[in-house]
Protein backbone atom coordinates (compact mmCIF):
# COMPACT_ATOMS: atom_id res chain seq x y z
CA UNK A 1 -216.23 -49.44 -129.31
CA UNK A 2 -214.40 -52.23 -131.05
CA UNK A 3 -211.60 -51.46 -133.46
CA UNK A 4 -212.88 -50.99 -137.01
CA UNK A 5 -211.58 -53.63 -139.41
CA UNK A 6 -211.16 -51.98 -142.79
CA UNK A 7 -210.44 -55.36 -144.39
CA UNK A 8 -214.06 -56.40 -143.93
CA UNK A 9 -215.07 -53.84 -146.57
CA UNK A 10 -212.76 -55.32 -149.20
CA UNK A 11 -213.46 -58.35 -151.41
CA UNK A 12 -211.97 -61.58 -150.07
CA UNK A 13 -208.63 -62.74 -151.40
CA UNK A 14 -206.83 -59.40 -151.80
CA UNK A 15 -203.48 -59.37 -150.00
CA UNK A 16 -202.65 -56.37 -147.85
CA UNK A 17 -199.28 -55.89 -149.54
CA UNK A 18 -200.99 -55.55 -152.90
CA UNK A 19 -203.17 -52.76 -151.49
CA UNK A 20 -200.05 -51.11 -150.07
CA UNK A 21 -198.31 -51.19 -153.46
CA UNK A 22 -201.42 -49.73 -155.13
CA UNK A 23 -201.62 -47.02 -152.48
CA UNK A 24 -197.98 -46.05 -152.96
CA UNK A 25 -198.45 -45.94 -156.74
CA UNK A 26 -201.51 -43.70 -156.45
CA UNK A 27 -199.68 -41.48 -153.94
CA UNK A 28 -196.72 -41.16 -156.32
CA UNK A 29 -199.04 -40.18 -159.18
CA UNK A 30 -200.69 -37.53 -157.01
CA UNK A 31 -197.28 -36.08 -156.04
CA UNK A 32 -196.16 -35.97 -159.69
CA UNK A 33 -199.40 -34.29 -160.70
CA UNK A 34 -199.06 -31.69 -157.94
CA UNK A 35 -195.47 -30.92 -158.94
CA UNK A 36 -196.52 -30.62 -162.59
CA UNK A 37 -199.46 -28.39 -161.67
CA UNK A 38 -197.45 -26.11 -159.38
CA UNK A 39 -194.29 -25.74 -161.48
CA UNK A 40 -195.77 -25.73 -164.97
CA UNK A 41 -195.04 -27.91 -167.95
CA UNK A 42 -191.24 -27.89 -167.53
CA UNK A 43 -191.27 -31.34 -165.93
CA UNK A 44 -192.84 -32.89 -169.02
CA UNK A 45 -190.34 -33.55 -171.79
CA UNK A 46 -192.35 -32.01 -174.64
CA UNK A 47 -190.84 -29.35 -176.90
CA UNK A 48 -192.42 -25.91 -177.25
CA UNK A 49 -194.70 -26.17 -174.21
CA UNK A 50 -195.52 -22.90 -172.45
CA UNK A 51 -194.56 -22.48 -168.83
CA UNK A 52 -197.47 -21.64 -166.54
CA UNK A 53 -195.25 -19.60 -164.24
CA UNK A 54 -193.66 -17.50 -167.01
CA UNK A 55 -196.09 -17.07 -169.89
CA UNK A 56 -194.57 -15.57 -173.00
């Protein structure tokens, strides 16, 4: 078994650092979405939004 080269699946000419930056950005968006989903709408600065954890 030879080591699988994931770069062979990508189009030519894309630097690895650019993929790393895109991966970190997507990961950050996923973390923010999970925090927002778990803790309600308090993280979003919008007035008069209900809190999912403490509905009125």
